[in-house]
PDB file of all heavy atoms in Angstrom:
ATOM      1  N   LEU A   1    -113.188  68.938 -16.395  1.00  0.00           N
ATOM      2  CA  LEU A   1    -112.390  69.039 -17.608  1.00  0.00           C
ATOM      3  C   LEU A   1    -113.158  69.785 -18.688  1.00  0.00           C
ATOM      4  O   LEU A   1    -114.334  69.519 -18.925  1.00  0.00           O
ATOM      5  CB  LEU A   1    -112.024  67.642 -18.113  1.00  0.00           C
ATOM      6  CG  LEU A   1    -111.421  67.567 -19.519  1.00  0.00           C
ATOM      7  CD1 LEU A   1    -109.991  68.088 -19.513  1.00  0.00           C
ATOM      8  CD2 LEU A   1    -111.462  66.138 -20.046  1.00  0.00           C
ATOM      9  N   VAL A   2    -112.481  70.701 -19.354  1.00  0.00           N
ATOM     10  CA  VAL A   2    -113.015  71.349 -20.541  1.00  0.00           C
ATOM     11  C   VAL A   2    -112.345  70.761 -21.779  1.00  0.00           C
ATOM     12  O   VAL A   2    -113.006  70.272 -22.691  1.00  0.00           O
ATOM     13  CB  VAL A   2    -112.823  72.873 -20.509  1.00  0.00           C
ATOM     14  CG1 VAL A   2    -113.340  73.503 -21.796  1.00  0.00           C
ATOM     15  CG2 VAL A   2    -113.535  73.470 -19.302  1.00  0.00           C
ATOM     16  N   ALA A   3    -111.033  70.810 -21.801  1.00  0.00           N
ATOM     17  CA  ALA A   3    -110.273  70.266 -22.920  1.00  0.00           C
ATOM     18  C   ALA A   3    -108.835  70.048 -22.499  1.00  0.00           C
ATOM     19  O   ALA A   3    -108.276  70.837 -21.743  1.00  0.00           O
ATOM     20  CB  ALA A   3    -110.326  71.205 -24.131  1.00  0.00           C
ATOM     21  N   VAL A   4    -108.238  68.979 -22.986  1.00  0.00           N
ATOM     22  CA  VAL A   4    -106.837  68.665 -22.716  1.00  0.00           C
ATOM     23  C   VAL A   4    -106.174  68.238 -24.012  1.00  0.00           C
ATOM     24  O   VAL A   4    -106.780  67.512 -24.817  1.00  0.00           O
ATOM     25  CB  VAL A   4    -106.698  67.549 -21.661  1.00  0.00           C
ATOM     26  CG1 VAL A   4    -105.246  67.096 -21.541  1.00  0.00           C
ATOM     27  CG2 VAL A   4    -107.206  68.024 -20.316  1.00  0.00           C
ATOM     28  N   ILE A   5    -104.946  68.671 -24.204  1.00  0.00           N
ATOM     29  CA  ILE A   5    -104.192  68.300 -25.398  1.00  0.00           C
ATOM     30  C   ILE A   5    -102.848  67.725 -24.996  1.00  0.00           C
ATOM     31  O   ILE A   5    -102.147  68.279 -24.148  1.00  0.00           O
ATOM     32  CB  ILE A   5    -104.030  69.504 -26.354  1.00  0.00           C
ATOM     33  CG1 ILE A   5    -103.334  69.079 -27.646  1.00  0.00           C
ATOM     34  CG2 ILE A   5    -103.297  70.658 -25.685  1.00  0.00           C
ATOM     35  CD1 ILE A   5    -103.400  70.146 -28.735  1.00  0.00           C
ATOM     36  N   THR A   6    -102.513  66.594 -25.586  1.00  0.00           N
ATOM     37  CA  THR A   6    -101.211  65.966 -25.421  1.00  0.00           C
ATOM     38  C   THR A   6    -100.540  65.914 -26.784  1.00  0.00           C
ATOM     39  O   THR A   6    -101.063  66.430 -27.767  1.00  0.00           O
ATOM     40  CB  THR A   6    -101.335  64.555 -24.841  1.00  0.00           C
ATOM     41  OG1 THR A   6    -101.941  63.686 -25.811  1.00  0.00           O
ATOM     42  CG2 THR A   6    -102.189  64.548 -23.576  1.00  0.00           C
ATOM     43  N   SER A   7     -99.390  65.265 -26.842  1.00  0.00           N
ATOM     44  CA  SER A   7     -98.703  65.144 -28.115  1.00  0.00           C
ATOM     45  C   SER A   7     -99.485  64.302 -29.110  1.00  0.00           C
ATOM     46  O   SER A   7     -99.289  64.432 -30.322  1.00  0.00           O
ATOM     47  CB  SER A   7     -97.315  64.539 -27.911  1.00  0.00           C
ATOM     48  OG  SER A   7     -97.401  63.250 -27.343  1.00  0.00           O
ATOM     49  N   GLY A   8    -100.378  63.460 -28.606  1.00  0.00           N
ATOM     50  CA  GLY A   8    -101.072  62.544 -29.487  1.00  0.00           C
ATOM     51  C   GLY A   8    -102.584  62.526 -29.422  1.00  0.00           C
ATOM     52  O   GLY A   8    -103.218  61.753 -30.140  1.00  0.00           O
ATOM     53  N   SER A   9    -103.174  63.375 -28.587  1.00  0.00           N
ATOM     54  CA  SER A   9    -104.617  63.321 -28.461  1.00  0.00           C
ATOM     55  C   SER A   9    -105.184  64.628 -27.951  1.00  0.00           C
ATOM     56  O   SER A   9    -104.479  65.441 -27.353  1.00  0.00           O
ATOM     57  CB  SER A   9    -105.033  62.179 -27.525  1.00  0.00           C
ATOM     58  OG  SER A   9    -104.600  62.429 -26.196  1.00  0.00           O
ATOM     59  N   ILE A  10    -106.477  64.808 -28.185  1.00  0.00           N
ATOM     60  CA  ILE A  10    -107.247  65.924 -27.657  1.00  0.00           C
ATOM     61  C   ILE A  10    -108.524  65.363 -27.066  1.00  0.00           C
ATOM     62  O   ILE A  10    -109.164  64.497 -27.663  1.00  0.00           O
ATOM     63  CB  ILE A  10    -107.581  66.955 -28.749  1.00  0.00           C
ATOM     64  CG1 ILE A  10    -106.297  67.574 -29.317  1.00  0.00           C
ATOM     65  CG2 ILE A  10    -108.498  68.036 -28.206  1.00  0.00           C
ATOM     66  CD1 ILE A  10    -106.541  68.511 -30.484  1.00  0.00           C
ATOM     67  N   ASN A  11    -108.885  65.863 -25.911  1.00  0.00           N
ATOM     68  CA  ASN A  11    -110.078  65.392 -25.230  1.00  0.00           C
ATOM     69  C   ASN A  11    -110.922  66.589 -24.814  1.00  0.00           C
ATOM     70  O   ASN A  11    -110.425  67.488 -24.145  1.00  0.00           O
ATOM     71  CB  ASN A  11    -109.697  64.553 -24.013  1.00  0.00           C
ATOM     72  CG  ASN A  11    -110.880  63.876 -23.368  1.00  0.00           C
ATOM     73  OD1 ASN A  11    -111.911  63.664 -24.004  1.00  0.00           O
ATOM     74  ND2 ASN A  11    -110.739  63.516 -22.095  1.00  0.00           N
ATOM     75  N   TYR A  12    -112.197  66.590 -25.205  1.00  0.00           N
ATOM     76  CA  TYR A  12    -113.130  67.650 -24.863  1.00  0.00           C
ATOM     77  C   TYR A  12    -114.255  67.115 -24.002  1.00  0.00           C
ATOM     78  O   TYR A  12    -114.689  65.971 -24.155  1.00  0.00           O
ATOM     79  CB  TYR A  12    -113.767  68.262 -26.111  1.00  0.00           C
ATOM     80  CG  TYR A  12    -112.840  69.028 -27.020  1.00  0.00           C
ATOM     81  CD1 TYR A  12    -112.326  68.441 -28.170  1.00  0.00           C
ATOM     82  CD2 TYR A  12    -112.511  70.350 -26.749  1.00  0.00           C
ATOM     83  CE1 TYR A  12    -111.495  69.146 -29.014  1.00  0.00           C
ATOM     84  CE2 TYR A  12    -111.683  71.060 -27.591  1.00  0.00           C
ATOM     85  CZ  TYR A  12    -111.172  70.454 -28.729  1.00  0.00           C
ATOM     86  OH  TYR A  12    -110.353  71.166 -29.571  1.00  0.00           O
ATOM     87  N   ALA A  13    -114.755  67.976 -23.141  1.00  0.00           N
ATOM     88  CA  ALA A  13    -115.992  67.664 -22.462  1.00  0.00           C
ATOM     89  C   ALA A  13    -117.128  67.635 -23.486  1.00  0.00           C
ATOM     90  O   ALA A  13    -117.133  68.409 -24.449  1.00  0.00           O
ATOM     91  CB  ALA A  13    -116.293  68.707 -21.388  1.00  0.00           C
ATOM     92  N   ASP A  14    -118.080  66.736 -23.279  1.00  0.00           N
ATOM     93  CA  ASP A  14    -119.194  66.635 -24.208  1.00  0.00           C
ATOM     94  C   ASP A  14    -119.940  67.963 -24.363  1.00  0.00           C
ATOM     95  O   ASP A  14    -120.435  68.288 -25.446  1.00  0.00           O
ATOM     96  CB  ASP A  14    -120.172  65.552 -23.756  1.00  0.00           C
ATOM     97  CG  ASP A  14    -119.624  64.153 -23.934  1.00  0.00           C
ATOM     98  OD1 ASP A  14    -118.670  63.976 -24.717  1.00  0.00           O
ATOM     99  OD2 ASP A  14    -120.155  63.229 -23.292  1.00  0.00           O
ATOM    100  N   SER A  15    -120.010  68.722 -23.301  1.00  0.00           N
ATOM    101  CA  SER A  15    -120.771  69.958 -23.309  1.00  0.00           C
ATOM    102  C   SER A  15    -120.162  71.050 -24.186  1.00  0.00           C
ATOM    103  O   SER A  15    -120.844  72.019 -24.520  1.00  0.00           O
ATOM    104  CB  SER A  15    -120.936  70.487 -21.883  1.00  0.00           C
ATOM    105  OG  SER A  15    -119.680  70.736 -21.286  1.00  0.00           O
ATOM    106  N   VAL A  16    -118.892  70.908 -24.553  1.00  0.00           N
ATOM    107  CA  VAL A  16    -118.236  71.948 -25.337  1.00  0.00           C
ATOM    108  C   VAL A  16    -117.821  71.479 -26.721  1.00  0.00           C
ATOM    109  O   VAL A  16    -117.334  72.290 -27.522  1.00  0.00           O
ATOM    110  CB  VAL A  16    -117.011  72.530 -24.607  1.00  0.00           C
ATOM    111  CG1 VAL A  16    -117.388  72.976 -23.202  1.00  0.00           C
ATOM    112  CG2 VAL A  16    -115.864  71.526 -24.562  1.00  0.00           C
ATOM    113  N   LYS A  17    -118.006  70.214 -27.021  1.00  0.00           N
ATOM    114  CA  LYS A  17    -117.622  69.698 -28.332  1.00  0.00           C
ATOM    115  C   LYS A  17    -118.346  70.445 -29.442  1.00  0.00           C
ATOM    116  O   LYS A  17    -119.544  70.682 -29.369  1.00  0.00           O
ATOM    117  CB  LYS A  17    -117.925  68.205 -28.425  1.00  0.00           C
ATOM    118  CG  LYS A  17    -116.987  67.323 -27.627  1.00  0.00           C
ATOM    119  CD  LYS A  17    -117.335  65.849 -27.784  1.00  0.00           C
ATOM    120  CE  LYS A  17    -116.374  64.979 -27.005  1.00  0.00           C
ATOM    121  NZ  LYS A  17    -116.733  63.539 -27.088  1.00  0.00           N
ATOM    122  N   GLY A  18    -117.598  70.811 -30.457  1.00  0.00           N
ATOM    123  CA  GLY A  18    -118.157  71.547 -31.570  1.00  0.00           C
ATOM    124  C   GLY A  18    -118.178  73.042 -31.371  1.00  0.00           C
ATOM    125  O   GLY A  18    -118.422  73.787 -32.329  1.00  0.00           O
ATOM    126  N   ARG A  19    -117.941  73.492 -30.150  1.00  0.00           N
ATOM    127  CA  ARG A  19    -117.953  74.918 -29.857  1.00  0.00           C
ATOM    128  C   ARG A  19    -116.584  75.443 -29.430  1.00  0.00           C
ATOM    129  O   ARG A  19    -116.236  76.583 -29.746  1.00  0.00           O
ATOM    130  CB  ARG A  19    -118.966  75.234 -28.758  1.00  0.00           C
ATOM    131  CG  ARG A  19    -120.397  74.852 -29.112  1.00  0.00           C
ATOM    132  CD  ARG A  19    -121.384  75.356 -28.070  1.00  0.00           C
ATOM    133  NE  ARG A  19    -121.149  74.760 -26.752  1.00  0.00           N
ATOM    134  CZ  ARG A  19    -120.835  75.454 -25.657  1.00  0.00           C
ATOM    135  NH1 ARG A  19    -120.723  76.775 -25.715  1.00  0.00           N
ATOM    136  NH2 ARG A  19    -120.651  74.833 -24.498  1.00  0.00           N
ATOM    137  N   PHE A  20    -115.831  74.630 -28.699  1.00  0.00           N
ATOM    138  CA  PHE A  20    -114.522  75.032 -28.194  1.00  0.00           C
ATOM    139  C   PHE A  20    -113.429  74.308 -28.959  1.00  0.00           C
ATOM    140  O   PHE A  20    -113.596  73.150 -29.362  1.00  0.00           O
ATOM    141  CB  PHE A  20    -114.371  74.693 -26.713  1.00  0.00           C
ATOM    142  CG  PHE A  20    -115.244  75.490 -25.780  1.00  0.00           C
ATOM    143  CD1 PHE A  20    -116.248  76.315 -26.251  1.00  0.00           C
ATOM    144  CD2 PHE A  20    -115.042  75.395 -24.416  1.00  0.00           C
ATOM    145  CE1 PHE A  20    -117.048  77.041 -25.383  1.00  0.00           C
ATOM    146  CE2 PHE A  20    -115.832  76.112 -23.536  1.00  0.00           C
ATOM    147  CZ  PHE A  20    -116.832  76.938 -24.018  1.00  0.00           C
ATOM    148  N   THR A  21    -112.296  74.963 -29.116  1.00  0.00           N
ATOM    149  CA  THR A  21    -111.138  74.366 -29.753  1.00  0.00           C
ATOM    150  C   THR A  21    -109.893  74.664 -28.937  1.00  0.00           C
ATOM    151  O   THR A  21    -109.609  75.828 -28.650  1.00  0.00           O
ATOM    152  CB  THR A  21    -110.940  74.895 -31.184  1.00  0.00           C
ATOM    153  OG1 THR A  21    -112.115  74.639 -31.966  1.00  0.00           O
ATOM    154  CG2 THR A  21    -109.749  74.200 -31.843  1.00  0.00           C
ATOM    155  N   ILE A  22    -109.168  73.616 -28.567  1.00  0.00           N
ATOM    156  CA  ILE A  22    -107.927  73.784 -27.829  1.00  0.00           C
ATOM    157  C   ILE A  22    -106.755  73.659 -28.795  1.00  0.00           C
ATOM    158  O   ILE A  22    -106.790  72.867 -29.739  1.00  0.00           O
ATOM    159  CB  ILE A  22    -107.808  72.760 -26.678  1.00  0.00           C
ATOM    160  CG1 ILE A  22    -106.620  73.091 -25.775  1.00  0.00           C
ATOM    161  CG2 ILE A  22    -107.720  71.336 -27.210  1.00  0.00           C
ATOM    162  CD1 ILE A  22    -106.574  72.258 -24.493  1.00  0.00           C
ATOM    163  N   SER A  23    -105.730  74.442 -28.559  1.00  0.00           N
ATOM    164  CA  SER A  23    -104.533  74.387 -29.381  1.00  0.00           C
ATOM    165  C   SER A  23    -103.326  74.749 -28.527  1.00  0.00           C
ATOM    166  O   SER A  23    -103.466  75.381 -27.477  1.00  0.00           O
ATOM    167  CB  SER A  23    -104.638  75.329 -30.586  1.00  0.00           C
ATOM    168  OG  SER A  23    -104.780  76.675 -30.172  1.00  0.00           O
ATOM    169  N   ARG A  24    -102.161  74.342 -28.978  1.00  0.00           N
ATOM    170  CA  ARG A  24    -100.943  74.671 -28.244  1.00  0.00           C
ATOM    171  C   ARG A  24     -99.816  75.021 -29.198  1.00  0.00           C
ATOM    172  O   ARG A  24     -99.782  74.573 -30.343  1.00  0.00           O
ATOM    173  CB  ARG A  24    -100.528  73.531 -27.311  1.00  0.00           C
ATOM    174  CG  ARG A  24    -100.194  72.221 -28.004  1.00  0.00           C
ATOM    175  CD  ARG A  24     -99.585  71.223 -27.036  1.00  0.00           C
ATOM    176  NE  ARG A  24     -98.244  71.638 -26.620  1.00  0.00           N
ATOM    177  CZ  ARG A  24     -97.497  71.014 -25.721  1.00  0.00           C
ATOM    178  NH1 ARG A  24     -97.985  69.950 -25.103  1.00  0.00           N
ATOM    179  NH2 ARG A  24     -96.293  71.446 -25.422  1.00  0.00           N
ATOM    180  N   ASP A  25     -98.905  75.815 -28.692  1.00  0.00           N
ATOM    181  CA  ASP A  25     -97.713  76.205 -29.415  1.00  0.00           C
ATOM    182  C   ASP A  25     -96.536  75.690 -28.599  1.00  0.00           C
ATOM    183  O   ASP A  25     -96.212  76.242 -27.551  1.00  0.00           O
ATOM    184  CB  ASP A  25     -97.648  77.719 -29.587  1.00  0.00           C
ATOM    185  CG  ASP A  25     -96.493  78.163 -30.456  1.00  0.00           C
ATOM    186  OD1 ASP A  25     -95.437  77.507 -30.455  1.00  0.00           O
ATOM    187  OD2 ASP A  25     -96.646  79.191 -31.152  1.00  0.00           O
ATOM    188  N   ASN A  26     -95.916  74.629 -29.072  1.00  0.00           N
ATOM    189  CA  ASN A  26     -94.831  74.010 -28.320  1.00  0.00           C
ATOM    190  C   ASN A  26     -93.629  74.937 -28.152  1.00  0.00           C
ATOM    191  O   ASN A  26     -92.969  74.916 -27.116  1.00  0.00           O
ATOM    192  CB  ASN A  26     -94.390  72.721 -29.005  1.00  0.00           C
ATOM    193  CG  ASN A  26     -95.435  71.629 -28.933  1.00  0.00           C
ATOM    194  OD1 ASN A  26     -96.257  71.594 -28.014  1.00  0.00           O
ATOM    195  ND2 ASN A  26     -95.410  70.719 -29.895  1.00  0.00           N
ATOM    196  N   ALA A  27     -93.349  75.735 -29.168  1.00  0.00           N
ATOM    197  CA  ALA A  27     -92.206  76.636 -29.107  1.00  0.00           C
ATOM    198  C   ALA A  27     -92.386  77.712 -28.043  1.00  0.00           C
ATOM    199  O   ALA A  27     -91.420  78.138 -27.411  1.00  0.00           O
ATOM    200  CB  ALA A  27     -91.959  77.273 -30.466  1.00  0.00           C
ATOM    201  N   LYS A  28     -93.610  78.156 -27.848  1.00  0.00           N
ATOM    202  CA  LYS A  28     -93.894  79.214 -26.887  1.00  0.00           C
ATOM    203  C   LYS A  28     -94.405  78.694 -25.549  1.00  0.00           C
ATOM    204  O   LYS A  28     -94.619  79.477 -24.628  1.00  0.00           O
ATOM    205  CB  LYS A  28     -94.915  80.190 -27.469  1.00  0.00           C
ATOM    206  CG  LYS A  28     -94.444  80.919 -28.711  1.00  0.00           C
ATOM    207  CD  LYS A  28     -95.521  81.859 -29.230  1.00  0.00           C
ATOM    208  CE  LYS A  28     -95.059  82.610 -30.460  1.00  0.00           C
ATOM    209  NZ  LYS A  28     -96.107  83.518 -30.991  1.00  0.00           N
ATOM    210  N   ASN A  29     -94.627  77.390 -25.458  1.00  0.00           N
ATOM    211  CA  ASN A  29     -95.198  76.795 -24.247  1.00  0.00           C
ATOM    212  C   ASN A  29     -96.517  77.457 -23.860  1.00  0.00           C
ATOM    213  O   ASN A  29     -96.728  77.847 -22.706  1.00  0.00           O
ATOM    214  CB  ASN A  29     -94.208  76.865 -23.083  1.00  0.00           C
ATOM    215  CG  ASN A  29     -93.063  75.886 -23.225  1.00  0.00           C
ATOM    216  OD1 ASN A  29     -93.178  74.867 -23.905  1.00  0.00           O
ATOM    217  ND2 ASN A  29     -91.949  76.194 -22.573  1.00  0.00           N
ATOM    218  N   THR A  30     -97.383  77.587 -24.831  1.00  0.00           N
ATOM    219  CA  THR A  30     -98.686  78.175 -24.590  1.00  0.00           C
ATOM    220  C   THR A  30     -99.793  77.221 -25.020  1.00  0.00           C
ATOM    221  O   THR A  30     -99.598  76.373 -25.890  1.00  0.00           O
ATOM    222  CB  THR A  30     -98.873  79.497 -25.339  1.00  0.00           C
ATOM    223  OG1 THR A  30     -98.732  79.284 -26.748  1.00  0.00           O
ATOM    224  CG2 THR A  30     -97.848  80.520 -24.879  1.00  0.00           C
ATOM    225  N   VAL A  31    -100.938  77.383 -24.405  1.00  0.00           N
ATOM    226  CA  VAL A  31    -102.130  76.651 -24.798  1.00  0.00           C
ATOM    227  C   VAL A  31    -103.288  77.638 -24.829  1.00  0.00           C
ATOM    228  O   VAL A  31    -103.433  78.461 -23.924  1.00  0.00           O
ATOM    229  CB  VAL A  31    -102.418  75.466 -23.854  1.00  0.00           C
ATOM    230  CG1 VAL A  31    -102.643  75.931 -22.416  1.00  0.00           C
ATOM    231  CG2 VAL A  31    -103.606  74.664 -24.352  1.00  0.00           C
ATOM    232  N   ASP A  32    -104.080  77.562 -25.877  1.00  0.00           N
ATOM    233  CA  ASP A  32    -105.211  78.458 -26.054  1.00  0.00           C
ATOM    234  C   ASP A  32    -106.509  77.672 -26.085  1.00  0.00           C
ATOM    235  O   ASP A  32    -106.536  76.488 -26.412  1.00  0.00           O
ATOM    236  CB  ASP A  32    -105.087  79.246 -27.351  1.00  0.00           C
ATOM    237  CG  ASP A  32    -103.964  80.266 -27.337  1.00  0.00           C
ATOM    238  OD1 ASP A  32    -103.325  80.451 -26.285  1.00  0.00           O
ATOM    239  OD2 ASP A  32    -103.723  80.878 -28.399  1.00  0.00           O
ATOM    240  N   LEU A  33    -107.570  78.350 -25.747  1.00  0.00           N
ATOM    241  CA  LEU A  33    -108.903  77.769 -25.850  1.00  0.00           C
ATOM    242  C   LEU A  33    -109.803  78.773 -26.543  1.00  0.00           C
ATOM    243  O   LEU A  33    -110.133  79.813 -25.977  1.00  0.00           O
ATOM    244  CB  LEU A  33    -109.462  77.422 -24.465  1.00  0.00           C
ATOM    245  CG  LEU A  33    -110.814  76.711 -24.462  1.00  0.00           C
ATOM    246  CD1 LEU A  33    -110.670  75.291 -25.014  1.00  0.00           C
ATOM    247  CD2 LEU A  33    -111.392  76.673 -23.047  1.00  0.00           C
ATOM    248  N   GLN A  34    -110.161  78.468 -27.776  1.00  0.00           N
ATOM    249  CA  GLN A  34    -111.096  79.293 -28.521  1.00  0.00           C
ATOM    250  C   GLN A  34    -112.502  78.833 -28.185  1.00  0.00           C
ATOM    251  O   GLN A  34    -112.846  77.674 -28.409  1.00  0.00           O
ATOM    252  CB  GLN A  34    -110.841  79.181 -30.022  1.00  0.00           C
ATOM    253  CG  GLN A  34    -111.803  79.985 -30.884  1.00  0.00           C
ATOM    254  CD  GLN A  34    -111.661  81.471 -30.686  1.00  0.00           C
ATOM    255  OE1 GLN A  34    -110.556  81.993 -30.668  1.00  0.00           O
ATOM    256  NE2 GLN A  34    -112.783  82.164 -30.509  1.00  0.00           N
ATOM    257  N   MET A  35    -113.303  79.731 -27.660  1.00  0.00           N
ATOM    258  CA  MET A  35    -114.649  79.403 -27.222  1.00  0.00           C
ATOM    259  C   MET A  35    -115.648  80.171 -28.073  1.00  0.00           C
ATOM    260  O   MET A  35    -115.696  81.401 -28.034  1.00  0.00           O
ATOM    261  CB  MET A  35    -114.838  79.742 -25.744  1.00  0.00           C
ATOM    262  CG  MET A  35    -113.810  79.081 -24.827  1.00  0.00           C
ATOM    263  SD  MET A  35    -114.140  79.372 -23.064  1.00  0.00           S
ATOM    264  CE  MET A  35    -113.882  81.150 -22.991  1.00  0.00           C
TER     265      MET A  35
END
């Protein structure tokens, strides 16, 4: 696991916390990972 996002939570691997950011666009059904 790197990162997972649900409607109510976000979970990151310890190794990427503070460096990676996950986000999603519900209207477009997309998920991004900024590293």
